[in-house]
PDB file of N, CA and C in Angstrom:
ATOM      1  N   MET A   1     -23.905 -21.806  18.789  1.00  0.00           N
ATOM      2  CA  MET A   1     -25.138 -22.065  17.647  1.00  0.00           C
ATOM      3  C   MET A   1     -24.136 -22.328  16.251  1.00  0.00           C
ATOM      4  N   ARG A   2     -24.643 -22.814  15.140  1.00  0.00           N
ATOM      5  CA  ARG A   2     -23.821 -23.155  14.396  1.00  0.00           C
ATOM      6  C   ARG A   2     -24.053 -22.276  13.011  1.00  0.00           C
ATOM      7  N   THR A   3     -22.849 -22.394  11.752  1.00  0.00           N
ATOM      8  CA  THR A   3     -23.304 -21.729  11.503  1.00  0.00           C
ATOM      9  C   THR A   3     -22.000 -22.630   9.637  1.00  0.00           C
ATOM     10  N   THR A   4     -22.244 -21.932   9.112  1.00  0.00           N
ATOM     11  CA  THR A   4     -21.631 -22.703   7.162  1.00  0.00           C
ATOM     12  C   THR A   4     -20.914 -21.096   6.770  1.00  0.00           C
ATOM     13  N   LEU A   5     -19.223 -21.523   7.154  1.00  0.00           N
ATOM     14  CA  LEU A   5     -19.542 -20.595   6.340  1.00  0.00           C
ATOM     15  C   LEU A   5     -19.081 -20.782   4.787  1.00  0.00           C
ATOM     16  N   GLY A   6     -18.145 -19.792   4.043  1.00  0.00           N
ATOM     17  CA  GLY A   6     -17.442 -20.131   2.730  1.00  0.00           C
ATOM     18  C   GLY A   6     -16.011 -19.080   2.860  1.00  0.00           C
ATOM     19  N   ILE A   7     -14.765 -20.105   3.142  1.00  0.00           N
ATOM     20  CA  ILE A   7     -14.081 -18.910   3.400  1.00  0.00           C
ATOM     21  C   ILE A   7     -12.792 -18.876   2.294  1.00  0.00           C
ATOM     22  N   ASN A   8     -12.367 -18.057   1.627  1.00  0.00           N
ATOM     23  CA  ASN A   8     -11.361 -18.665   0.753  1.00  0.00           C
ATOM     24  C   ASN A   8     -10.040 -19.116   1.375  1.00  0.00           C
ATOM     25  N   ASP A   9      -9.989 -20.404   0.281  1.00  0.00           N
ATOM     26  CA  ASP A   9      -8.149 -20.532   0.794  1.00  0.00           C
ATOM     27  C   ASP A   9      -7.029 -20.673   1.330  1.00  0.00           C
ATOM     28  N   ALA A  10      -6.922 -19.149   1.334  1.00  0.00           N
ATOM     29  CA  ALA A  10      -5.216 -18.485   1.602  1.00  0.00           C
ATOM     30  C   ALA A  10      -5.509 -18.698   2.533  1.00  0.00           C
ATOM     31  N   LEU A  11      -7.091 -17.809   3.496  1.00  0.00           N
ATOM     32  CA  LEU A  11      -7.493 -17.472   4.319  1.00  0.00           C
ATOM     33  C   LEU A  11      -8.028 -18.570   6.073  1.00  0.00           C
ATOM     34  N   LEU A  12      -7.987 -19.619   4.848  1.00  0.00           N
ATOM     35  CA  LEU A  12      -8.811 -21.733   5.711  1.00  0.00           C
ATOM     36  C   LEU A  12      -7.004 -21.479   6.026  1.00  0.00           C
ATOM     37  N   ARG A  13      -5.956 -21.905   5.032  1.00  0.00           N
ATOM     38  CA  ARG A  13      -5.278 -21.741   5.246  1.00  0.00           C
ATOM     39  C   ARG A  13      -4.360 -21.552   6.772  1.00  0.00           C
ATOM     40  N   GLU A  14      -4.217 -20.204   6.389  1.00  0.00           N
ATOM     41  CA  GLU A  14      -3.670 -19.513   7.221  1.00  0.00           C
ATOM     42  C   GLU A  14      -4.469 -19.761   9.016  1.00  0.00           C
ATOM     43  N   LEU A  15      -5.752 -20.228   8.808  1.00  0.00           N
ATOM     44  CA  LEU A  15      -6.037 -19.583  10.389  1.00  0.00           C
ATOM     45  C   LEU A  15      -5.631 -20.840  10.471  1.00  0.00           C
ATOM     46  N   ARG A  16      -5.564 -22.718  10.271  1.00  0.00           N
ATOM     47  CA  ARG A  16      -5.664 -23.503  10.301  1.00  0.00           C
ATOM     48  C   ARG A  16      -3.847 -24.233  10.890  1.00  0.00           C
ATOM     49  N   ARG A  17      -3.384 -22.383   9.861  1.00  0.00           N
ATOM     50  CA  ARG A  17      -1.651 -23.192  10.635  1.00  0.00           C
ATOM     51  C   ARG A  17      -1.230 -22.482  12.399  1.00  0.00           C
ATOM     52  N   ARG A  18      -2.237 -20.498  11.847  1.00  0.00           N
ATOM     53  CA  ARG A  18      -2.418 -20.652  13.503  1.00  0.00           C
ATOM     54  C   ARG A  18      -2.286 -21.035  13.996  1.00  0.00           C
ATOM     55  N   ALA A  19      -3.822 -21.948  14.146  1.00  0.00           N
ATOM     56  CA  ALA A  19      -4.563 -23.426  15.574  1.00  0.00           C
ATOM     57  C   ALA A  19      -3.454 -24.244  15.342  1.00  0.00           C
ATOM     58  N   THR A  20      -2.718 -24.837  14.044  1.00  0.00           N
ATOM     59  CA  THR A  20      -1.916 -25.639  14.599  1.00  0.00           C
ATOM     60  C   THR A  20      -0.152 -24.964  15.631  1.00  0.00           C
ATOM     61  N   GLU A  21      -0.329 -24.073  15.167  1.00  0.00           N
ATOM     62  CA  GLU A  21       1.031 -23.179  16.150  1.00  0.00           C
ATOM     63  C   GLU A  21       1.209 -23.279  16.866  1.00  0.00           C
ATOM     64  N   THR A  22      -0.275 -22.411  17.524  1.00  0.00           N
ATOM     65  CA  THR A  22      -0.842 -22.627  19.178  1.00  0.00           C
ATOM     66  C   THR A  22      -1.459 -23.109  19.213  1.00  0.00           C
ATOM     67  N   GLY A  23      -1.918 -24.717  19.288  1.00  0.00           N
ATOM     68  CA  GLY A  23      -2.206 -26.129  19.198  1.00  0.00           C
ATOM     69  C   GLY A  23      -3.797 -25.739  20.474  1.00  0.00           C
ATOM     70  N   ARG A  24      -4.243 -24.775  19.519  1.00  0.00           N
ATOM     71  CA  ARG A  24      -5.757 -24.523  19.627  1.00  0.00           C
ATOM     72  C   ARG A  24      -5.991 -24.403  19.031  1.00  0.00           C
ATOM     73  N   PRO A  25      -7.568 -25.396  19.229  1.00  0.00           N
ATOM     74  CA  PRO A  25      -8.032 -25.773  18.344  1.00  0.00           C
ATOM     75  C   PRO A  25      -8.689 -24.879  17.144  1.00  0.00           C
ATOM     76  N   PHE A  26      -9.220 -24.550  15.972  1.00  0.00           N
ATOM     77  CA  PHE A  26      -9.504 -24.254  15.674  1.00  0.00           C
ATOM     78  C   PHE A  26     -10.979 -23.365  15.422  1.00  0.00           C
ATOM     79  N   ARG A  27     -11.658 -23.938  15.657  1.00  0.00           N
ATOM     80  CA  ARG A  27     -12.551 -22.891  16.332  1.00  0.00           C
ATOM     81  C   ARG A  27     -12.548 -21.898  17.208  1.00  0.00           C
ATOM     82  N   ALA A  28     -11.583 -21.843  18.209  1.00  0.00           N
ATOM     83  CA  ALA A  28     -11.039 -21.258  19.096  1.00  0.00           C
ATOM     84  C   ALA A  28     -10.332 -19.833  18.080  1.00  0.00           C
ATOM     85  N   VAL A  29      -9.763 -19.795  17.370  1.00  0.00           N
ATOM     86  CA  VAL A  29      -8.480 -19.524  15.993  1.00  0.00           C
ATOM     87  C   VAL A  29     -10.275 -18.502  15.368  1.00  0.00           C
ATOM     88  N   VAL A  30     -10.607 -18.952  15.025  1.00  0.00           N
ATOM     89  CA  VAL A  30     -11.191 -18.286  14.163  1.00  0.00           C
ATOM     90  C   VAL A  30     -12.329 -17.122  14.988  1.00  0.00           C
ATOM     91  N   GLU A  31     -12.765 -17.597  16.190  1.00  0.00           N
ATOM     92  CA  GLU A  31     -13.552 -16.672  16.440  1.00  0.00           C
ATOM     93  C   GLU A  31     -13.070 -15.409  17.588  1.00  0.00           C
ATOM     94  N   GLU A  32     -11.477 -16.050  17.549  1.00  0.00           N
ATOM     95  CA  GLU A  32     -10.414 -14.940  18.595  1.00  0.00           C
ATOM     96  C   GLU A  32     -10.032 -13.540  17.166  1.00  0.00           C
ATOM     97  N   THR A  33     -10.370 -14.676  16.265  1.00  0.00           N
ATOM     98  CA  THR A  33      -9.953 -13.792  14.197  1.00  0.00           C
ATOM     99  C   THR A  33     -11.152 -12.387  13.894  1.00  0.00           C
ATOM    100  N   LEU A  34     -12.557 -12.723  13.887  1.00  0.00           N
ATOM    101  CA  LEU A  34     -13.743 -11.847  14.010  1.00  0.00           C
ATOM    102  C   LEU A  34     -13.230 -11.377  15.584  1.00  0.00           C
ATOM    103  N   GLU A  35     -13.391 -11.659  16.257  1.00  0.00           N
ATOM    104  CA  GLU A  35     -13.267 -10.702  18.325  1.00  0.00           C
ATOM    105  C   GLU A  35     -12.137  -9.821  17.252  1.00  0.00           C
ATOM    106  N   LEU A  36     -11.633  -9.495  17.120  1.00  0.00           N
ATOM    107  CA  LEU A  36     -10.117  -8.734  16.567  1.00  0.00           C
ATOM    108  C   LEU A  36     -10.436  -8.038  16.103  1.00  0.00           C
ATOM    109  N   GLY A  37     -11.499  -8.504  14.566  1.00  0.00           N
ATOM    110  CA  GLY A  37     -10.971  -8.023  12.893  1.00  0.00           C
ATOM    111  C   GLY A  37     -13.034  -6.728  13.480  1.00  0.00           C
ATOM    112  N   LEU A  38     -14.275  -7.383  14.156  1.00  0.00           N
ATOM    113  CA  LEU A  38     -14.601  -6.669  14.812  1.00  0.00           C
ATOM    114  C   LEU A  38     -14.515  -5.711  16.133  1.00  0.00           C
ATOM    115  N   ALA A  39     -13.887  -5.562  16.903  1.00  0.00           N
ATOM    116  CA  ALA A  39     -12.760  -4.763  17.614  1.00  0.00           C
ATOM    117  C   ALA A  39     -12.498  -3.987  16.744  1.00  0.00           C
ATOM    118  N   ARG A  40     -11.658  -4.017  15.879  1.00  0.00           N
ATOM    119  CA  ARG A  40     -11.089  -2.819  15.278  1.00  0.00           C
ATOM    120  C   ARG A  40     -12.010  -2.096  14.147  1.00  0.00           C
ATOM    121  N   ALA A  41     -13.006  -2.670  13.534  1.00  0.00           N
ATOM    122  CA  ALA A  41     -13.483  -2.147  13.160  1.00  0.00           C
ATOM    123  C   ALA A  41     -14.816  -0.869  13.850  1.00  0.00           C
ATOM    124  N   ALA A  42     -14.490  -1.619  15.015  1.00  0.00           N
ATOM    125  CA  ALA A  42     -15.967  -0.237  15.253  1.00  0.00           C
ATOM    126  C   ALA A  42     -14.248   1.225  16.129  1.00  0.00           C
ATOM    127  N   GLN A  43     -13.682   0.893  16.070  1.00  0.00           N
ATOM    128  CA  GLN A  43     -12.857   2.221  16.961  1.00  0.00           C
ATOM    129  C   GLN A  43     -12.733   2.856  15.595  1.00  0.00           C
ATOM    130  N   PRO A  44     -12.929   3.865  16.108  1.00  0.00           N
ATOM    131  CA  PRO A  44     -12.666   5.290  15.688  1.00  0.00           C
ATOM    132  C   PRO A  44     -12.183   5.474  14.199  1.00  0.00           C
ATOM    133  N   ALA A  45     -11.602   5.566  12.785  1.00  0.00           N
ATOM    134  CA  ALA A  45     -11.251   5.999  11.953  1.00  0.00           C
ATOM    135  C   ALA A  45      -9.551   6.538  12.623  1.00  0.00           C
ATOM    136  N   ARG A  46      -7.776   6.996  13.305  1.00  0.00           N
ATOM    137  CA  ARG A  46      -7.183   7.501  13.488  1.00  0.00           C
ATOM    138  C   ARG A  46      -7.610   8.649  12.605  1.00  0.00           C
ATOM    139  N   ALA A  47      -7.484   9.936  12.639  1.00  0.00           N
ATOM    140  CA  ALA A  47      -6.589  10.428  11.612  1.00  0.00           C
ATOM    141  C   ALA A  47      -5.398  10.842  11.268  1.00  0.00           C
ATOM    142  N   LYS A  48      -5.041  10.842  10.064  1.00  0.00           N
ATOM    143  CA  LYS A  48      -3.947  10.449   9.799  1.00  0.00           C
ATOM    144  C   LYS A  48      -3.007  12.065   9.538  1.00  0.00           C
ATOM    145  N   ARG A  49      -2.158  11.670   9.926  1.00  0.00           N
ATOM    146  CA  ARG A  49      -1.017  13.428   9.698  1.00  0.00           C
ATOM    147  C   ARG A  49      -0.864  13.419   9.056  1.00  0.00           C
ATOM    148  N   PRO A  50      -1.616  14.671   7.239  1.00  0.00           N
ATOM    149  CA  PRO A  50      -1.310  15.023   5.800  1.00  0.00           C
ATOM    150  C   PRO A  50      -0.183  14.859   5.987  1.00  0.00           C
ATOM    151  N   PHE A  51       0.334  13.820   4.461  1.00  0.00           N
ATOM    152  CA  PHE A  51       1.882  13.862   3.933  1.00  0.00           C
ATOM    153  C   PHE A  51       2.584  14.927   2.947  1.00  0.00           C
ATOM    154  N   ARG A  52       3.423  15.894   3.964  1.00  0.00           N
ATOM    155  CA  ARG A  52       4.002  17.430   3.325  1.00  0.00           C
ATOM    156  C   ARG A  52       5.194  16.947   2.994  1.00  0.00           C
ATOM    157  N   VAL A  53       5.828  17.677   1.717  1.00  0.00           N
ATOM    158  CA  VAL A  53       6.949  17.148   0.165  1.00  0.00           C
ATOM    159  C   VAL A  53       7.088  17.915   0.554  1.00  0.00           C
ATOM    160  N   ARG A  54       8.568  18.281   0.900  1.00  0.00           N
ATOM    161  CA  ARG A  54       9.864  19.267   1.480  1.00  0.00           C
ATOM    162  C   ARG A  54      10.630  19.190   0.598  1.00  0.00           C
ATOM    163  N   PRO A  55      10.154  20.793  -1.075  1.00  0.00           N
ATOM    164  CA  PRO A  55      10.812  20.695  -1.729  1.00  0.00           C
ATOM    165  C   PRO A  55      12.394  21.235  -2.311  1.00  0.00           C
ATOM    166  N   HIS A  56      13.238  20.231  -2.844  1.00  0.00           N
ATOM    167  CA  HIS A  56      14.281  20.699  -2.725  1.00  0.00           C
ATOM    168  C   HIS A  56      15.229  21.347  -4.077  1.00  0.00           C
ATOM    169  N   ALA A  57      15.654  23.153  -4.167  1.00  0.00           N
ATOM    170  CA  ALA A  57      16.581  23.378  -4.737  1.00  0.00           C
ATOM    171  C   ALA A  57      17.132  21.560  -5.107  1.00  0.00           C
ATOM    172  N   LEU A  58      16.717  22.694  -7.223  1.00  0.00           N
ATOM    173  CA  LEU A  58      17.348  21.621  -8.448  1.00  0.00           C
ATOM    174  C   LEU A  58      18.699  22.134  -8.668  1.00  0.00           C
ATOM    175  N   GLY A  59      18.920  22.625  -8.661  1.00  0.00           N
ATOM    176  CA  GLY A  59      20.506  23.636  -8.981  1.00  0.00           C
ATOM    177  C   GLY A  59      19.650  23.774 -10.333  1.00  0.00           C
ATOM    178  N   LEU A  60      18.788  24.089 -10.744  1.00  0.00           N
ATOM    179  CA  LEU A  60      18.800  24.051 -12.605  1.00  0.00           C
ATOM    180  C   LEU A  60      19.680  26.419 -12.756  1.00  0.00           C
ATOM    181  N   LYS A  61      19.585  25.995 -14.271  1.00  0.00           N
ATOM    182  CA  LYS A  61      20.246  27.477 -14.965  1.00  0.00           C
ATOM    183  C   LYS A  61      17.635  27.837 -14.804  1.00  0.00           C
ATOM    184  N   PRO A  62      18.567  29.246 -14.687  1.00  0.00           N
ATOM    185  CA  PRO A  62      17.567  29.799 -15.151  1.00  0.00           C
ATOM    186  C   PRO A  62      16.225  29.843 -15.915  1.00  0.00           C
ATOM    187  N   GLY A  63      16.821  29.220 -17.297  1.00  0.00           N
ATOM    188  CA  GLY A  63      16.214  29.263 -18.551  1.00  0.00           C
ATOM    189  C   GLY A  63      15.042  28.312 -17.543  1.00  0.00           C
ATOM    190  N   PHE A  64      15.195  26.942 -17.303  1.00  0.00           N
ATOM    191  CA  PHE A  64      14.886  25.702 -16.855  1.00  0.00           C
ATOM    192  C   PHE A  64      14.011  25.963 -15.856  1.00  0.00           C
ATOM    193  N   ARG A  65      14.059  26.463 -14.686  1.00  0.00           N
ATOM    194  CA  ARG A  65      12.659  27.070 -14.274  1.00  0.00           C
ATOM    195  C   ARG A  65      11.331  27.146 -15.009  1.00  0.00           C
ATOM    196  N   GLY A  66      10.947  27.158 -13.842  1.00  0.00           N
ATOM    197  CA  GLY A  66       8.985  27.036 -14.122  1.00  0.00           C
ATOM    198  C   GLY A  66       8.830  25.869 -15.637  1.00  0.00           C
ATOM    199  N   VAL A  67      10.114  24.813 -16.027  1.00  0.00           N
ATOM    200  CA  VAL A  67       9.012  24.516 -17.198  1.00  0.00           C
ATOM    201  C   VAL A  67       9.246  22.927 -16.523  1.00  0.00           C
ATOM    202  N   SER A  68       8.144  21.664 -16.810  1.00  0.00           N
ATOM    203  CA  SER A  68       7.883  20.538 -15.951  1.00  0.00           C
ATOM    204  C   SER A  68       8.651  19.781 -17.033  1.00  0.00           C
ATOM    205  N   LEU A  69       8.942  18.876 -16.387  1.00  0.00           N
ATOM    206  CA  LEU A  69       9.856  17.656 -16.452  1.00  0.00           C
ATOM    207  C   LEU A  69      10.108  16.994 -17.755  1.00  0.00           C
ATOM    208  N   ASN A  70       8.735  17.258 -18.529  1.00  0.00           N
ATOM    209  CA  ASN A  70       8.553  16.714 -19.468  1.00  0.00           C
ATOM    210  C   ASN A  70       8.072  17.157 -20.832  1.00  0.00           C
ATOM    211  N   GLN A  71       8.323  18.953 -20.034  1.00  0.00           N
ATOM    212  CA  GLN A  71       9.177  19.654 -20.810  1.00  0.00           C
ATOM    213  C   GLN A  71      10.318  19.307 -21.818  1.00  0.00           C
ATOM    214  N   LEU A  72      11.428  19.185 -20.294  1.00  0.00           N
ATOM    215  CA  LEU A  72      12.492  19.072 -20.082  1.00  0.00           C
ATOM    216  C   LEU A  72      13.337  17.650 -21.023  1.00  0.00           C
ATOM    217  N   TYR A  73      11.698  16.405 -21.338  1.00  0.00           N
ATOM    218  CA  TYR A  73      12.651  15.346 -21.586  1.00  0.00           C
ATOM    219  C   TYR A  73      12.329  15.215 -22.787  1.00  0.00           C
ATOM    220  N   ASP A  74      11.614  16.030 -23.237  1.00  0.00           N
ATOM    221  CA  ASP A  74      11.041  16.618 -24.521  1.00  0.00           C
ATOM    222  C   ASP A  74      11.994  17.035 -25.617  1.00  0.00           C
ATOM    223  N   GLN A  75      12.481  18.332 -24.631  1.00  0.00           N
ATOM    224  CA  GLN A  75      13.431  19.270 -26.063  1.00  0.00           C
ATOM    225  C   GLN A  75      14.852  18.691 -24.964  1.00  0.00           C
ATOM    226  N   ILE A  76      15.290  17.471 -24.064  1.00  0.00           N
ATOM    227  CA  ILE A  76      16.649  16.659 -24.543  1.00  0.00           C
ATOM    228  C   ILE A  76      16.896  16.070 -25.473  1.00  0.00           C
ATOM    229  N   GLU A  77      14.865  15.110 -25.548  1.00  0.00           N
ATOM    230  CA  GLU A  77      14.940  13.492 -26.573  1.00  0.00           C
ATOM    231  C   GLU A  77      14.985  14.787 -28.205  1.00  0.00           C
ATOM    232  N   ALA A  78      14.872  15.373 -28.553  1.00  0.00           N
ATOM    233  CA  ALA A  78      14.691  16.468 -29.785  1.00  0.00           C
ATOM    234  C   ALA A  78      15.403  16.695 -29.985  1.00  0.00           C
ATOM    235  N   GLU A  79      16.639  16.752 -28.713  1.00  0.00           N
ATOM    236  CA  GLU A  79      18.125  17.699 -29.229  1.00  0.00           C
ATOM    237  C   GLU A  79      18.864  15.892 -29.839  1.00  0.00           C
ATOM    238  N   SER A  80      18.659  15.116 -29.232  1.00  0.00           N
ATOM    239  CA  SER A  80      19.085  13.382 -28.859  1.00  0.00           C
ATOM    240  C   SER A  80      19.259  13.245 -30.609  1.00  0.00           C
ATOM    241  N   SER A  81      17.786  13.460 -30.892  1.00  0.00           N
ATOM    242  CA  SER A  81      17.748  13.309 -32.159  1.00  0.00           C
ATOM    243  C   SER A  81      17.270  13.529 -33.477  1.00  0.00           C
ATOM    244  N   ALA A  82      17.877  15.082 -33.197  1.00  0.00           N
ATOM    245  CA  ALA A  82      18.095  15.883 -34.345  1.00  0.00           C
ATOM    246  C   ALA A  82      20.661  15.825 -34.463  1.00  0.00           C
ATOM    247  N   ARG A  83      20.866  15.094 -32.970  1.00  0.00           N
ATOM    248  CA  ARG A  83      22.384  14.635 -33.672  1.00  0.00           C
ATOM    249  C   ARG A  83      21.877  14.062 -34.703  1.00  0.00           C
ATOM    250  N   LYS A  84      21.240  12.718 -34.552  1.00  0.00           N
ATOM    251  CA  LYS A  84      22.340  12.218 -34.979  1.00  0.00           C
ATOM    252  C   LYS A  84      21.572  11.917 -36.406  1.00  0.00           C
ATOM    253  N   PRO A  85      22.222  11.463 -37.782  1.00  0.00           N
ATOM    254  CA  PRO A  85      22.760  11.614 -39.213  1.00  0.00           C
ATOM    255  C   PRO A  85      22.079  10.608 -39.488  1.00  0.00           C
TER     256      PRO A  85
END
């Protein structure tokens, strides 16, 4: 069956490059690419493992524990600007 498609220029170049590299007809490369994409879309999404963050002790002095990094940065900036004449 014939049809007309509008294809992104970069995608068209990639499809033509693959057809040239493999020595296969452009039509065959497009059909295979569509089949692979449709097959993948039909597969159920795999459940991803949740990303886990492992906290590490920073070695902060007791007075700085529980303080946000923004607060620490503000404190450093305030001390720095207070030293300037």
